[in-house]
Amino acid sequence: MRTAVTLTTDFGSGSLYVAQLKAAILRAAVPPTLVDIAHDLPPHDIRAAAWLVAQACLTFPPGTLHVVVIDPGVGTARRLVWARIGDQEFLAPDNGVLSWTLRRAPLVACRELEVPPAAAATFHGRDCLAPAAVRILDGGGGESLGPSLADLVRLPWPEPRKTATGIVGEVIHVDAFGNLVTNLPAELWPRLAAAGALHVGGHDIRTLVRTYADAPPGTVVALIGSQGYIEAAVVEGRADVRLAAAAGVPVCVG
């Protein structure tokens, strides 16, 4: 029996919209355990949400249902979908928010959801996705929700590339601590160690550590983060502020 439903939104912590979304899902015959992944994502930032969803949702037990509502196109012709990706199930707008998840696990099946006539044009999370979640929780099964789709919207994601000066990537995520997660995989660490510096924007980071406590507070460091990518951080500080960096800033290993 399914017991957990996760929620990821940009509604804001303590938001009325979060409460109403939960209330709608708790109408299931057997109310599930609701797990909040995040509600304070940058508003309308599909890419930031896509990264978080992939890193968090795929760690849940098989069959967990994930409701993702980052939907700047709410009320437009963009689709709402149910999808089984790997061993997880998702309800989300088809706007690319599942793009990173699809890089890490195969798309098994997906269906387009119908928008009920009475649904508010500005709150499809409550009026479309939540009722779909209830149908699944009550035993309806995702495959019964609507017509089959061949694929989902996939946003292009930057890949590291070789240049005359080294391997160039970029910051793809800024976490809650201000750490700059790059798209340079951990496998490049020996090359970084040999080069002696990680270049982030106009800054050279020469302190390479295994963990944050290996350097004094305030030190700018590079390390392999918990998600398997090279990161830039400030010990007990914020790298995004110190380096004036955000997603999209170029990084390079010589």
C-alpha atoms as a PDB file:
ATOM      1  CA  MET A   1       0.000   0.000   0.000  1.00  0.00           C
ATOM      2  CA  ARG A   2       1.268   3.457  -0.889  1.00  0.00           C
ATOM      3  CA  THR A   3       1.879   5.460   2.287  1.00  0.00           C
ATOM      4  CA  ALA A   4       3.857   8.565   1.245  1.00  0.00           C
ATOM      5  CA  VAL A   5       3.266  11.478  -1.084  1.00  0.00           C
ATOM      6  CA  THR A   6       5.962  14.142  -1.441  1.00  0.00           C
ATOM      7  CA  LEU A   7       5.303  17.794  -2.209  1.00  0.00           C
ATOM      8  CA  THR A   8       7.626  20.199  -3.997  1.00  0.00           C
ATOM      9  CA  THR A   9       6.412  23.721  -4.760  1.00  0.00           C
ATOM     10  CA  ASP A  10       7.463  27.340  -4.996  1.00  0.00           C
ATOM     11  CA  PHE A  11       4.459  28.454  -2.928  1.00  0.00           C
ATOM     12  CA  GLY A  12       6.505  29.579   0.088  1.00  0.00           C
ATOM     13  CA  SER A  13       6.797  28.055   3.550  1.00  0.00           C
ATOM     14  CA  GLY A  14       3.646  28.571   5.608  1.00  0.00           C
ATOM     15  CA  SER A  15       1.676  29.441   2.488  1.00  0.00           C
ATOM     16  CA  LEU A  16      -2.100  29.142   2.246  1.00  0.00           C
ATOM     17  CA  TYR A  17      -1.538  27.383  -1.081  1.00  0.00           C
ATOM     18  CA  VAL A  18       0.522  24.642   0.569  1.00  0.00           C
ATOM     19  CA  ALA A  19      -2.222  24.086   3.136  1.00  0.00           C
ATOM     20  CA  GLN A  20      -4.913  23.845   0.465  1.00  0.00           C
ATOM     21  CA  LEU A  21      -2.829  21.452  -1.632  1.00  0.00           C
ATOM     22  CA  LYS A  22      -2.368  19.189   1.382  1.00  0.00           C
ATOM     23  CA  ALA A  23      -6.040  19.393   2.327  1.00  0.00           C
ATOM     24  CA  ALA A  24      -7.043  18.258  -1.162  1.00  0.00           C
ATOM     25  CA  ILE A  25      -4.692  15.259  -1.096  1.00  0.00           C
ATOM     26  CA  LEU A  26      -5.812  14.239   2.392  1.00  0.00           C
ATOM     27  CA  ARG A  27      -9.275  13.563   0.956  1.00  0.00           C
ATOM     28  CA  ALA A  28      -7.984  10.125  -0.080  1.00  0.00           C
ATOM     29  CA  ALA A  29      -9.841   7.212   1.497  1.00  0.00           C
ATOM     30  CA  VAL A  30      -6.649   6.314   3.352  1.00  0.00           C
ATOM     31  CA  PRO A  31      -4.835   9.631   3.880  1.00  0.00           C
ATOM     32  CA  PRO A  32      -1.138   9.326   3.040  1.00  0.00           C
ATOM     33  CA  THR A  33       1.883  10.571   4.901  1.00  0.00           C
ATOM     34  CA  LEU A  34       2.762  13.906   3.303  1.00  0.00           C
ATOM     35  CA  VAL A  35       6.468  14.662   3.010  1.00  0.00           C
ATOM     36  CA  ASP A  36       7.511  18.240   2.276  1.00  0.00           C
ATOM     37  CA  ILE A  37      10.581  18.275   0.057  1.00  0.00           C
ATOM     38  CA  ALA A  38      10.554  22.061  -0.411  1.00  0.00           C
ATOM     39  CA  HIS A  39       8.138  24.960  -0.699  1.00  0.00           C
ATOM     40  CA  ASP A  40      10.678  27.787  -0.811  1.00  0.00           C
ATOM     41  CA  LEU A  41      12.187  27.201  -4.241  1.00  0.00           C
ATOM     42  CA  PRO A  42      12.883  30.362  -6.262  1.00  0.00           C
ATOM     43  CA  PRO A  43       9.488  31.344  -7.704  1.00  0.00           C
ATOM     44  CA  HIS A  44       8.922  30.153 -11.288  1.00  0.00           C
ATOM     45  CA  ASP A  45      12.462  28.686 -11.495  1.00  0.00           C
ATOM     46  CA  ILE A  46      11.855  25.429 -13.372  1.00  0.00           C
ATOM     47  CA  ARG A  47      15.545  24.569 -13.632  1.00  0.00           C
ATOM     48  CA  ALA A  48      16.192  24.943  -9.917  1.00  0.00           C
ATOM     49  CA  ALA A  49      13.169  22.766  -9.216  1.00  0.00           C
ATOM     50  CA  ALA A  50      14.235  20.160 -11.785  1.00  0.00           C
ATOM     51  CA  TRP A  51      17.607  19.746 -10.064  1.00  0.00           C
ATOM     52  CA  LEU A  52      16.073  19.402  -6.602  1.00  0.00           C
ATOM     53  CA  VAL A  53      13.362  16.983  -7.715  1.00  0.00           C
ATOM     54  CA  ALA A  54      15.877  14.643  -9.349  1.00  0.00           C
ATOM     55  CA  GLN A  55      18.272  14.667  -6.423  1.00  0.00           C
ATOM     56  CA  ALA A  56      15.570  14.196  -3.776  1.00  0.00           C
ATOM     57  CA  CYS A  57      12.717  12.191  -5.267  1.00  0.00           C
ATOM     58  CA  LEU A  58      14.720   9.302  -6.670  1.00  0.00           C
ATOM     59  CA  THR A  59      15.956   8.441  -3.176  1.00  0.00           C
ATOM     60  CA  PHE A  60      12.470   7.515  -1.928  1.00  0.00           C
ATOM     61  CA  PRO A  61      11.136   3.944  -1.660  1.00  0.00           C
ATOM     62  CA  PRO A  62       9.791   2.478  -4.914  1.00  0.00           C
ATOM     63  CA  GLY A  63       6.260   3.539  -5.759  1.00  0.00           C
ATOM     64  CA  THR A  64       6.350   6.837  -3.886  1.00  0.00           C
ATOM     65  CA  LEU A  65       4.116   9.474  -5.477  1.00  0.00           C
ATOM     66  CA  HIS A  66       5.661  12.927  -5.982  1.00  0.00           C
ATOM     67  CA  VAL A  67       3.513  16.010  -6.589  1.00  0.00           C
ATOM     68  CA  VAL A  68       5.570  18.815  -8.130  1.00  0.00           C
ATOM     69  CA  VAL A  69       4.006  22.253  -8.608  1.00  0.00           C
ATOM     70  CA  ILE A  70       6.396  24.771 -10.121  1.00  0.00           C
ATOM     71  CA  ASP A  71       4.118  26.064 -12.820  1.00  0.00           C
ATOM     72  CA  PRO A  72       4.656  29.558 -14.264  1.00  0.00           C
ATOM     73  CA  GLY A  73       2.475  28.530 -17.216  1.00  0.00           C
ATOM     74  CA  VAL A  74      -0.526  27.579 -15.080  1.00  0.00           C
ATOM     75  CA  GLY A  75      -3.783  27.970 -16.998  1.00  0.00           C
ATOM     76  CA  THR A  76      -2.126  27.885 -20.432  1.00  0.00           C
ATOM     77  CA  ALA A  77      -1.969  25.088 -22.995  1.00  0.00           C
ATOM     78  CA  ARG A  78       0.979  23.427 -21.275  1.00  0.00           C
ATOM     79  CA  ARG A  79       0.085  19.878 -20.260  1.00  0.00           C
ATOM     80  CA  LEU A  80      -0.342  18.345 -16.831  1.00  0.00           C
ATOM     81  CA  VAL A  81       1.021  14.826 -16.608  1.00  0.00           C
ATOM     82  CA  TRP A  82       1.379  11.675 -14.604  1.00  0.00           C
ATOM     83  CA  ALA A  83       4.661   9.872 -15.199  1.00  0.00           C
ATOM     84  CA  ARG A  84       6.416   6.777 -13.958  1.00  0.00           C
ATOM     85  CA  ILE A  85      10.153   7.439 -14.049  1.00  0.00           C
ATOM     86  CA  GLY A  86      12.281   4.557 -12.860  1.00  0.00           C
ATOM     87  CA  ASP A  87      10.436   3.157  -9.846  1.00  0.00           C
ATOM     88  CA  GLN A  88       8.837   6.479  -8.825  1.00  0.00           C
ATOM     89  CA  GLU A  89       5.592   8.202  -9.860  1.00  0.00           C
ATOM     90  CA  PHE A  90       5.150  11.917 -10.525  1.00  0.00           C
ATOM     91  CA  LEU A  91       2.307  14.392 -11.020  1.00  0.00           C
ATOM     92  CA  ALA A  92       3.539  17.672 -12.471  1.00  0.00           C
ATOM     93  CA  PRO A  93       3.167  20.257 -15.218  1.00  0.00           C
ATOM     94  CA  ASP A  94       4.926  19.168 -18.399  1.00  0.00           C
ATOM     95  CA  ASN A  95       7.233  22.175 -18.506  1.00  0.00           C
ATOM     96  CA  GLY A  96      10.628  20.548 -18.089  1.00  0.00           C
ATOM     97  CA  VAL A  97      10.522  20.267 -14.300  1.00  0.00           C
ATOM     98  CA  LEU A  98      11.155  16.521 -14.643  1.00  0.00           C
ATOM     99  CA  SER A  99      14.060  17.010 -17.063  1.00  0.00           C
ATOM    100  CA  TRP A 100      16.888  16.202 -14.655  1.00  0.00           C
ATOM    101  CA  THR A 101      15.007  13.208 -13.272  1.00  0.00           C
ATOM    102  CA  LEU A 102      14.743  11.872 -16.828  1.00  0.00           C
ATOM    103  CA  ARG A 103      18.533  12.115 -17.141  1.00  0.00           C
ATOM    104  CA  ARG A 104      18.943   9.822 -14.165  1.00  0.00           C
ATOM    105  CA  ALA A 105      16.145   7.270 -14.620  1.00  0.00           C
ATOM    106  CA  PRO A 106      14.159   5.926 -17.590  1.00  0.00           C
ATOM    107  CA  LEU A 107      10.687   7.101 -18.539  1.00  0.00           C
ATOM    108  CA  VAL A 108       8.487   4.018 -18.143  1.00  0.00           C
ATOM    109  CA  ALA A 109       5.079   5.552 -18.924  1.00  0.00           C
ATOM    110  CA  CYS A 110       3.335   8.915 -18.974  1.00  0.00           C
ATOM    111  CA  ARG A 111      -0.218  10.187 -19.361  1.00  0.00           C
ATOM    112  CA  GLU A 112      -1.829  13.564 -19.975  1.00  0.00           C
ATOM    113  CA  LEU A 113      -4.278  14.712 -17.314  1.00  0.00           C
ATOM    114  CA  GLU A 114      -7.601  16.351 -18.025  1.00  0.00           C
ATOM    115  CA  VAL A 115      -8.215  19.782 -16.503  1.00  0.00           C
ATOM    116  CA  PRO A 116     -11.650  19.716 -14.801  1.00  0.00           C
ATOM    117  CA  PRO A 117     -13.993  22.471 -16.043  1.00  0.00           C
ATOM    118  CA  ALA A 118     -14.345  23.902 -12.531  1.00  0.00           C
ATOM    119  CA  ALA A 119     -10.589  24.096 -11.904  1.00  0.00           C
ATOM    120  CA  ALA A 120      -9.251  27.548 -11.030  1.00  0.00           C
ATOM    121  CA  ALA A 121      -7.095  28.755 -13.915  1.00  0.00           C
ATOM    122  CA  THR A 122      -4.424  29.828 -11.435  1.00  0.00           C
ATOM    123  CA  PHE A 123      -4.259  26.793  -9.120  1.00  0.00           C
ATOM    124  CA  HIS A 124      -3.966  23.538 -11.039  1.00  0.00           C
ATOM    125  CA  GLY A 125      -1.932  22.035  -8.220  1.00  0.00           C
ATOM    126  CA  ARG A 126      -4.964  22.018  -5.919  1.00  0.00           C
ATOM    127  CA  ASP A 127      -7.687  21.485  -8.506  1.00  0.00           C
ATOM    128  CA  CYS A 128      -6.024  19.059 -10.959  1.00  0.00           C
ATOM    129  CA  LEU A 129      -2.905  17.403  -9.541  1.00  0.00           C
ATOM    130  CA  ALA A 130      -4.269  16.825  -6.047  1.00  0.00           C
ATOM    131  CA  PRO A 131      -7.472  15.096  -7.284  1.00  0.00           C
ATOM    132  CA  ALA A 132      -5.302  12.951  -9.575  1.00  0.00           C
ATOM    133  CA  ALA A 133      -3.202  12.013  -6.555  1.00  0.00           C
ATOM    134  CA  VAL A 134      -6.369  11.009  -4.685  1.00  0.00           C
ATOM    135  CA  ARG A 135      -7.471   8.804  -7.585  1.00  0.00           C
ATOM    136  CA  ILE A 136      -4.095   7.050  -7.540  1.00  0.00           C
ATOM    137  CA  LEU A 137      -4.123   6.687  -3.755  1.00  0.00           C
ATOM    138  CA  ASP A 138      -7.624   5.227  -3.918  1.00  0.00           C
ATOM    139  CA  GLY A 139      -6.413   2.542  -6.296  1.00  0.00           C
ATOM    140  CA  GLY A 140      -7.084   4.082  -9.688  1.00  0.00           C
ATOM    141  CA  GLY A 141      -3.562   3.700 -11.026  1.00  0.00           C
ATOM    142  CA  GLY A 142      -1.698   6.285 -13.067  1.00  0.00           C
ATOM    143  CA  GLU A 143      -2.383   4.479 -16.325  1.00  0.00           C
ATOM    144  CA  SER A 144      -6.095   5.271 -15.965  1.00  0.00           C
ATOM    145  CA  LEU A 145      -5.666   9.033 -15.729  1.00  0.00           C
ATOM    146  CA  GLY A 146      -5.631  10.003 -19.390  1.00  0.00           C
ATOM    147  CA  PRO A 147      -4.245   9.384 -22.885  1.00  0.00           C
ATOM    148  CA  SER A 148      -0.749   7.999 -23.240  1.00  0.00           C
ATOM    149  CA  LEU A 149       2.117  10.307 -24.211  1.00  0.00           C
ATOM    150  CA  ALA A 150       5.267   9.414 -26.102  1.00  0.00           C
ATOM    151  CA  ASP A 151       7.553  11.696 -24.103  1.00  0.00           C
ATOM    152  CA  LEU A 152       7.789  14.684 -21.787  1.00  0.00           C
ATOM    153  CA  VAL A 153       9.277  18.131 -22.254  1.00  0.00           C
ATOM    154  CA  ARG A 154      13.022  17.973 -21.684  1.00  0.00           C
ATOM    155  CA  LEU A 155      15.010  21.130 -21.108  1.00  0.00           C
ATOM    156  CA  PRO A 156      18.555  21.243 -22.488  1.00  0.00           C
ATOM    157  CA  TRP A 157      21.159  20.978 -19.739  1.00  0.00           C
ATOM    158  CA  PRO A 158      24.758  22.193 -20.016  1.00  0.00           C
ATOM    159  CA  GLU A 159      27.423  19.513 -20.301  1.00  0.00           C
ATOM    160  CA  PRO A 160      31.112  20.013 -19.446  1.00  0.00           C
ATOM    161  CA  ARG A 161      33.167  20.600 -22.575  1.00  0.00           C
ATOM    162  CA  LYS A 162      36.846  20.445 -23.402  1.00  0.00           C
ATOM    163  CA  THR A 163      38.530  23.657 -24.526  1.00  0.00           C
ATOM    164  CA  ALA A 164      42.078  24.840 -25.086  1.00  0.00           C
ATOM    165  CA  THR A 165      42.231  26.018 -21.464  1.00  0.00           C
ATOM    166  CA  GLY A 166      40.693  22.977 -19.772  1.00  0.00           C
ATOM    167  CA  ILE A 167      37.298  21.491 -19.040  1.00  0.00           C
ATOM    168  CA  VAL A 168      34.615  24.151 -18.818  1.00  0.00           C
ATOM    169  CA  GLY A 169      31.299  23.761 -17.043  1.00  0.00           C
ATOM    170  CA  GLU A 170      29.009  25.977 -15.045  1.00  0.00           C
ATOM    171  CA  VAL A 171      27.186  26.369 -11.763  1.00  0.00           C
ATOM    172  CA  ILE A 172      23.905  24.489 -12.047  1.00  0.00           C
ATOM    173  CA  HIS A 173      22.535  24.866  -8.524  1.00  0.00           C
ATOM    174  CA  VAL A 174      22.943  27.032  -5.438  1.00  0.00           C
ATOM    175  CA  ASP A 175      21.939  25.151  -2.306  1.00  0.00           C
ATOM    176  CA  ALA A 176      20.462  26.524   0.922  1.00  0.00           C
ATOM    177  CA  PHE A 177      23.944  27.121   2.345  1.00  0.00           C
ATOM    178  CA  GLY A 178      25.066  29.151  -0.670  1.00  0.00           C
ATOM    179  CA  ASN A 179      27.296  26.357  -1.968  1.00  0.00           C
ATOM    180  CA  LEU A 180      27.798  26.435  -5.733  1.00  0.00           C
ATOM    181  CA  VAL A 181      27.099  23.027  -7.260  1.00  0.00           C
ATOM    182  CA  THR A 182      28.734  22.672 -10.663  1.00  0.00           C
ATOM    183  CA  ASN A 183      28.105  20.209 -13.469  1.00  0.00           C
ATOM    184  CA  LEU A 184      31.683  18.926 -13.172  1.00  0.00           C
ATOM    185  CA  PRO A 185      31.448  15.313 -11.951  1.00  0.00           C
ATOM    186  CA  ALA A 186      33.532  13.913  -9.116  1.00  0.00           C
ATOM    187  CA  GLU A 187      35.561  11.937 -11.654  1.00  0.00           C
ATOM    188  CA  LEU A 188      37.323  15.197 -12.563  1.00  0.00           C
ATOM    189  CA  TRP A 189      38.711  15.646  -9.032  1.00  0.00           C
ATOM    190  CA  PRO A 190      42.158  14.131  -9.836  1.00  0.00           C
ATOM    191  CA  ARG A 191      42.493  16.568 -12.732  1.00  0.00           C
ATOM    192  CA  LEU A 192      41.457  19.428 -10.459  1.00  0.00           C
ATOM    193  CA  ALA A 193      43.967  18.343  -7.832  1.00  0.00           C
ATOM    194  CA  ALA A 194      46.711  18.265 -10.466  1.00  0.00           C
ATOM    195  CA  ALA A 195      45.736  21.703 -11.782  1.00  0.00           C
ATOM    196  CA  GLY A 196      45.580  23.135  -8.268  1.00  0.00           C
ATOM    197  CA  ALA A 197      42.655  25.493  -8.755  1.00  0.00           C
ATOM    198  CA  LEU A 198      38.979  25.629  -9.627  1.00  0.00           C
ATOM    199  CA  HIS A 199      38.097  28.731 -11.624  1.00  0.00           C
ATOM    200  CA  VAL A 200      34.626  30.111 -10.802  1.00  0.00           C
ATOM    201  CA  GLY A 201      33.743  33.214 -12.749  1.00  0.00           C
ATOM    202  CA  GLY A 202      36.701  35.526 -12.174  1.00  0.00           C
ATOM    203  CA  HIS A 203      37.886  33.738  -9.012  1.00  0.00           C
ATOM    204  CA  ASP A 204      40.539  31.051  -8.547  1.00  0.00           C
ATOM    205  CA  ILE A 205      39.848  28.642  -5.688  1.00  0.00           C
ATOM    206  CA  ARG A 206      43.106  27.011  -4.603  1.00  0.00           C
ATOM    207  CA  THR A 207      42.061  25.411  -1.313  1.00  0.00           C
ATOM    208  CA  LEU A 208      40.904  21.902  -2.175  1.00  0.00           C
ATOM    209  CA  VAL A 209      39.450  19.932   0.720  1.00  0.00           C
ATOM    210  CA  ARG A 210      37.682  16.673   1.538  1.00  0.00           C
ATOM    211  CA  THR A 211      35.162  18.316   3.866  1.00  0.00           C
ATOM    212  CA  TYR A 212      34.321  21.786   5.166  1.00  0.00           C
ATOM    213  CA  ALA A 213      36.122  21.457   8.512  1.00  0.00           C
ATOM    214  CA  ASP A 214      39.429  20.890   6.685  1.00  0.00           C
ATOM    215  CA  ALA A 215      39.813  24.680   6.335  1.00  0.00           C
ATOM    216  CA  PRO A 216      39.265  27.622   8.716  1.00  0.00           C
ATOM    217  CA  PRO A 217      35.942  29.495   8.745  1.00  0.00           C
ATOM    218  CA  GLY A 218      35.695  32.021   5.943  1.00  0.00           C
ATOM    219  CA  THR A 219      37.951  30.067   3.583  1.00  0.00           C
ATOM    220  CA  VAL A 220      36.800  29.641  -0.010  1.00  0.00           C
ATOM    221  CA  VAL A 221      37.159  25.951  -0.879  1.00  0.00           C
ATOM    222  CA  ALA A 222      36.445  23.419  -3.591  1.00  0.00           C
ATOM    223  CA  LEU A 223      35.324  19.908  -2.741  1.00  0.00           C
ATOM    224  CA  ILE A 224      33.251  16.975  -3.948  1.00  0.00           C
ATOM    225  CA  GLY A 225      29.705  17.536  -2.720  1.00  0.00           C
ATOM    226  CA  SER A 226      27.280  14.936  -1.467  1.00  0.00           C
ATOM    227  CA  GLN A 227      25.515  14.771  -4.848  1.00  0.00           C
ATOM    228  CA  GLY A 228      28.657  13.639  -6.688  1.00  0.00           C
ATOM    229  CA  TYR A 229      29.651  16.956  -8.294  1.00  0.00           C
ATOM    230  CA  ILE A 230      32.451  19.420  -7.638  1.00  0.00           C
ATOM    231  CA  GLU A 231      31.283  22.371  -5.557  1.00  0.00           C
ATOM    232  CA  ALA A 232      32.621  25.726  -4.453  1.00  0.00           C
ATOM    233  CA  ALA A 233      31.869  26.714  -0.863  1.00  0.00           C
ATOM    234  CA  VAL A 234      32.833  29.101   1.898  1.00  0.00           C
ATOM    235  CA  VAL A 235      33.445  27.422   5.237  1.00  0.00           C
ATOM    236  CA  GLU A 236      30.628  28.622   7.522  1.00  0.00           C
ATOM    237  CA  GLY A 237      29.707  31.221   4.911  1.00  0.00           C
ATOM    238  CA  ARG A 238      28.023  31.633   1.541  1.00  0.00           C
ATOM    239  CA  ALA A 239      29.943  31.131  -1.682  1.00  0.00           C
ATOM    240  CA  ASP A 240      27.170  32.666  -3.770  1.00  0.00           C
ATOM    241  CA  VAL A 241      27.574  35.953  -1.879  1.00  0.00           C
ATOM    242  CA  ARG A 242      31.367  35.864  -1.501  1.00  0.00           C
ATOM    243  CA  LEU A 243      31.937  35.086  -5.178  1.00  0.00           C
ATOM    244  CA  ALA A 244      28.904  37.003  -6.475  1.00  0.00           C
ATOM    245  CA  ALA A 245      27.930  33.832  -8.330  1.00  0.00           C
ATOM    246  CA  ALA A 246      24.685  32.175  -9.348  1.00  0.00           C
ATOM    247  CA  ALA A 247      23.474  29.405 -11.631  1.00  0.00           C
ATOM    248  CA  GLY A 248      25.003  29.789 -15.064  1.00  0.00           C
ATOM    249  CA  VAL A 249      28.345  31.220 -13.914  1.00  0.00           C
ATOM    250  CA  PRO A 250      31.177  29.458 -15.806  1.00  0.00           C
ATOM    251  CA  VAL A 251      33.596  27.156 -14.004  1.00  0.00           C
ATOM    252  CA  CYS A 252      36.798  25.600 -15.318  1.00  0.00           C
ATOM    253  CA  VAL A 253      39.310  22.933 -14.410  1.00  0.00           C
ATOM    254  CA  GLY A 254      42.635  23.502 -16.167  1.00  0.00           C
END
